[in-house]
Amino acid sequence: MNDPQDPAGRSTSLTFLMVLAGLVLLLPGVCALYFIKTSHSILDESPLVPLWLGCFAISAVGIALIRRAVKRPGG
């Protein structure tokens, strides 16, 4: 099965999978933002702060993966 490639020579299915994985990795950060926003007092829930930071780190990896997938080589 031939995989179509874009003009830069990258596999389009691989690019699609990288973007899809990046979007999935964004979900923990979105959930953490939601719970921080709905929390009445962040200081009362200080044991959750490391968990939220971990979620934001996972989301940062997702952002980097999406940027890597859509970035043009040499650009």
N, C-alpha and C. Protein backbone atom coordinates (compact mmCIF):
# COMPACT_ATOMS: atom_id res chain seq x y z
N MET A 1 0.84 -1.18 0.00
CA MET A 1 0.00 0.00 0.00
C MET A 1 0.88 1.24 0.00
N ASN A 2 0.70 2.08 -0.97
CA ASN A 2 1.47 3.31 -1.06
C ASN A 2 0.86 4.38 -0.16
N ASP A 3 1.73 5.09 0.51
CA ASP A 3 1.28 6.18 1.38
C ASP A 3 1.55 7.49 0.65
N PRO A 4 0.51 8.29 0.43
CA PRO A 4 0.76 9.57 -0.25
C PRO A 4 1.68 10.46 0.58
N GLN A 5 2.47 11.23 -0.13
CA GLN A 5 3.39 12.12 0.55
C GLN A 5 3.13 13.55 0.12
N ASP A 6 3.41 14.47 1.04
CA ASP A 6 3.27 15.88 0.69
C ASP A 6 4.51 16.33 -0.07
N PRO A 7 4.52 17.55 -0.61
CA PRO A 7 5.67 18.01 -1.40
C PRO A 7 7.00 17.98 -0.65
N ALA A 8 6.97 18.04 0.69
CA ALA A 8 8.21 18.02 1.45
C ALA A 8 8.76 16.62 1.59
N GLY A 9 8.00 15.61 1.15
CA GLY A 9 8.48 14.24 1.22
C GLY A 9 8.08 13.51 2.49
N ARG A 10 7.16 14.10 3.28
CA ARG A 10 6.73 13.46 4.51
C ARG A 10 5.47 12.64 4.24
N SER A 11 5.30 11.60 5.00
CA SER A 11 4.11 10.77 4.90
C SER A 11 2.92 11.51 5.49
N THR A 12 1.83 11.58 4.73
CA THR A 12 0.66 12.30 5.24
C THR A 12 -0.03 11.52 6.35
N SER A 13 0.01 10.20 6.30
CA SER A 13 -0.62 9.43 7.38
C SER A 13 0.17 9.57 8.67
N LEU A 14 1.49 9.64 8.58
CA LEU A 14 2.29 9.85 9.78
C LEU A 14 2.03 11.24 10.37
N THR A 15 1.91 12.23 9.51
CA THR A 15 1.60 13.59 9.98
C THR A 15 0.24 13.60 10.67
N PHE A 16 -0.75 12.93 10.09
CA PHE A 16 -2.07 12.84 10.68
C PHE A 16 -2.02 12.17 12.05
N LEU A 17 -1.29 11.07 12.15
CA LEU A 17 -1.18 10.36 13.43
C LEU A 17 -0.48 11.20 14.49
N MET A 18 0.53 11.96 14.09
CA MET A 18 1.23 12.83 15.04
C MET A 18 0.30 13.94 15.56
N VAL A 19 -0.48 14.53 14.67
CA VAL A 19 -1.43 15.57 15.09
C VAL A 19 -2.49 14.97 15.99
N LEU A 20 -3.00 13.80 15.64
CA LEU A 20 -4.02 13.14 16.46
C LEU A 20 -3.47 12.81 17.86
N ALA A 21 -2.26 12.28 17.93
CA ALA A 21 -1.66 11.98 19.23
C ALA A 21 -1.43 13.27 20.02
N GLY A 22 -1.03 14.33 19.36
CA GLY A 22 -0.84 15.61 20.04
C GLY A 22 -2.14 16.14 20.62
N LEU A 23 -3.24 15.99 19.88
CA LEU A 23 -4.54 16.43 20.38
C LEU A 23 -4.96 15.62 21.60
N VAL A 24 -4.70 14.33 21.59
CA VAL A 24 -5.02 13.49 22.74
C VAL A 24 -4.19 13.92 23.96
N LEU A 25 -2.94 14.27 23.73
CA LEU A 25 -2.07 14.70 24.83
C LEU A 25 -2.47 16.07 25.38
N LEU A 26 -3.23 16.84 24.64
CA LEU A 26 -3.71 18.13 25.14
C LEU A 26 -4.83 17.98 26.17
N LEU A 27 -5.55 16.87 26.13
CA LEU A 27 -6.71 16.68 27.00
C LEU A 27 -6.42 16.78 28.50
N PRO A 28 -5.32 16.22 29.02
CA PRO A 28 -5.08 16.37 30.46
C PRO A 28 -4.93 17.82 30.90
N GLY A 29 -4.31 18.63 30.08
CA GLY A 29 -4.15 20.05 30.41
C GLY A 29 -5.48 20.79 30.39
N VAL A 30 -6.34 20.44 29.44
CA VAL A 30 -7.66 21.06 29.38
C VAL A 30 -8.47 20.68 30.62
N CYS A 31 -8.40 19.42 31.01
CA CYS A 31 -9.11 18.98 32.22
C CYS A 31 -8.56 19.68 33.46
N ALA A 32 -7.24 19.81 33.55
CA ALA A 32 -6.64 20.48 34.70
C ALA A 32 -7.08 21.94 34.76
N LEU A 33 -7.11 22.61 33.61
CA LEU A 33 -7.59 24.00 33.60
C LEU A 33 -9.03 24.10 34.06
N TYR A 34 -9.85 23.15 33.64
CA TYR A 34 -11.26 23.16 34.05
C TYR A 34 -11.38 23.00 35.57
N PHE A 35 -10.64 22.06 36.15
CA PHE A 35 -10.74 21.84 37.59
C PHE A 35 -10.14 22.98 38.39
N ILE A 36 -9.11 23.62 37.87
CA ILE A 36 -8.55 24.78 38.56
C ILE A 36 -9.57 25.92 38.53
N LYS A 37 -10.23 26.10 37.39
CA LYS A 37 -11.20 27.18 37.26
C LYS A 37 -12.41 26.96 38.18
N THR A 38 -12.87 25.72 38.29
CA THR A 38 -14.05 25.45 39.10
C THR A 38 -13.72 25.29 40.58
N SER A 39 -12.45 25.20 40.91
CA SER A 39 -12.05 25.06 42.31
C SER A 39 -12.27 26.39 43.03
N HIS A 40 -12.83 26.32 44.22
CA HIS A 40 -13.11 27.54 44.97
C HIS A 40 -11.84 28.12 45.58
N SER A 41 -10.95 27.26 46.01
CA SER A 41 -9.71 27.74 46.59
C SER A 41 -8.59 26.77 46.24
N ILE A 42 -7.63 27.26 45.48
CA ILE A 42 -6.52 26.40 45.06
C ILE A 42 -5.63 26.05 46.25
N LEU A 43 -5.50 26.96 47.21
CA LEU A 43 -4.63 26.71 48.35
C LEU A 43 -5.15 25.57 49.22
N ASP A 44 -6.47 25.39 49.30
CA ASP A 44 -7.02 24.29 50.08
C ASP A 44 -6.74 22.94 49.44
N GLU A 45 -6.51 22.92 48.15
CA GLU A 45 -6.27 21.68 47.43
C GLU A 45 -4.81 21.57 46.99
N SER A 46 -3.90 22.01 47.83
CA SER A 46 -2.49 22.03 47.46
C SER A 46 -1.92 20.66 47.10
N PRO A 47 -2.45 19.54 47.61
CA PRO A 47 -1.91 18.25 47.15
C PRO A 47 -2.15 17.99 45.66
N LEU A 48 -3.09 18.70 45.07
CA LEU A 48 -3.37 18.49 43.65
C LEU A 48 -2.48 19.31 42.72
N VAL A 49 -1.77 20.26 43.24
CA VAL A 49 -0.93 21.13 42.40
C VAL A 49 0.11 20.33 41.62
N PRO A 50 0.83 19.37 42.24
CA PRO A 50 1.78 18.58 41.42
C PRO A 50 1.09 17.78 40.31
N LEU A 51 -0.11 17.31 40.58
CA LEU A 51 -0.86 16.59 39.55
C LEU A 51 -1.19 17.53 38.39
N TRP A 52 -1.64 18.74 38.71
CA TRP A 52 -1.95 19.73 37.67
C TRP A 52 -0.71 20.08 36.86
N LEU A 53 0.42 20.23 37.54
CA LEU A 53 1.66 20.54 36.82
C LEU A 53 2.06 19.41 35.88
N GLY A 54 1.85 18.18 36.33
CA GLY A 54 2.12 17.03 35.47
C GLY A 54 1.22 17.02 34.25
N CYS A 55 -0.05 17.38 34.45
CA CYS A 55 -0.98 17.46 33.32
C CYS A 55 -0.55 18.52 32.33
N PHE A 56 -0.07 19.66 32.83
CA PHE A 56 0.39 20.71 31.94
C PHE A 56 1.66 20.28 31.20
N ALA A 57 2.51 19.49 31.84
CA ALA A 57 3.71 18.99 31.18
C ALA A 57 3.33 18.04 30.04
N ILE A 58 2.35 17.18 30.28
CA ILE A 58 1.89 16.27 29.22
C ILE A 58 1.32 17.07 28.06
N SER A 59 0.57 18.12 28.36
CA SER A 59 0.01 18.96 27.30
C SER A 59 1.11 19.69 26.53
N ALA A 60 2.17 20.07 27.20
CA ALA A 60 3.29 20.71 26.51
C ALA A 60 3.92 19.75 25.50
N VAL A 61 4.00 18.48 25.86
CA VAL A 61 4.51 17.48 24.91
C VAL A 61 3.56 17.37 23.71
N GLY A 62 2.26 17.45 23.97
CA GLY A 62 1.28 17.42 22.88
C GLY A 62 1.44 18.60 21.95
N ILE A 63 1.65 19.78 22.51
CA ILE A 63 1.86 20.98 21.69
C ILE A 63 3.12 20.83 20.85
N ALA A 64 4.18 20.32 21.45
CA ALA A 64 5.44 20.13 20.71
C ALA A 64 5.26 19.12 19.58
N LEU A 65 4.47 18.07 19.84
CA LEU A 65 4.24 17.05 18.81
C LEU A 65 3.45 17.63 17.65
N ILE A 66 2.44 18.43 17.94
CA ILE A 66 1.65 19.04 16.87
C ILE A 66 2.51 20.01 16.07
N ARG A 67 3.31 20.82 16.76
CA ARG A 67 4.19 21.76 16.06
C ARG A 67 5.17 21.03 15.16
N ARG A 68 5.71 19.91 15.65
CA ARG A 68 6.66 19.13 14.87
C ARG A 68 5.98 18.53 13.63
N ALA A 69 4.72 18.13 13.78
CA ALA A 69 4.01 17.50 12.66
C ALA A 69 3.68 18.50 11.56
N VAL A 70 3.33 19.73 11.93
CA VAL A 70 2.90 20.68 10.90
C VAL A 70 4.03 21.58 10.42
N LYS A 71 5.18 21.54 11.07
CA LYS A 71 6.29 22.40 10.68
C LYS A 71 6.89 21.90 9.37
N ARG A 72 7.17 22.84 8.50
CA ARG A 72 7.80 22.50 7.22
C ARG A 72 9.30 22.33 7.44
N PRO A 73 9.90 21.34 6.80
CA PRO A 73 11.35 21.17 6.91
C PRO A 73 12.08 22.39 6.38
N GLY A 74 13.07 22.83 7.11
CA GLY A 74 13.84 24.00 6.71
C GLY A 74 13.16 25.32 6.97
N GLY A 75 12.02 25.30 7.63
CA GLY A 75 11.27 26.53 7.83
C GLY A 75 11.06 26.91 9.23
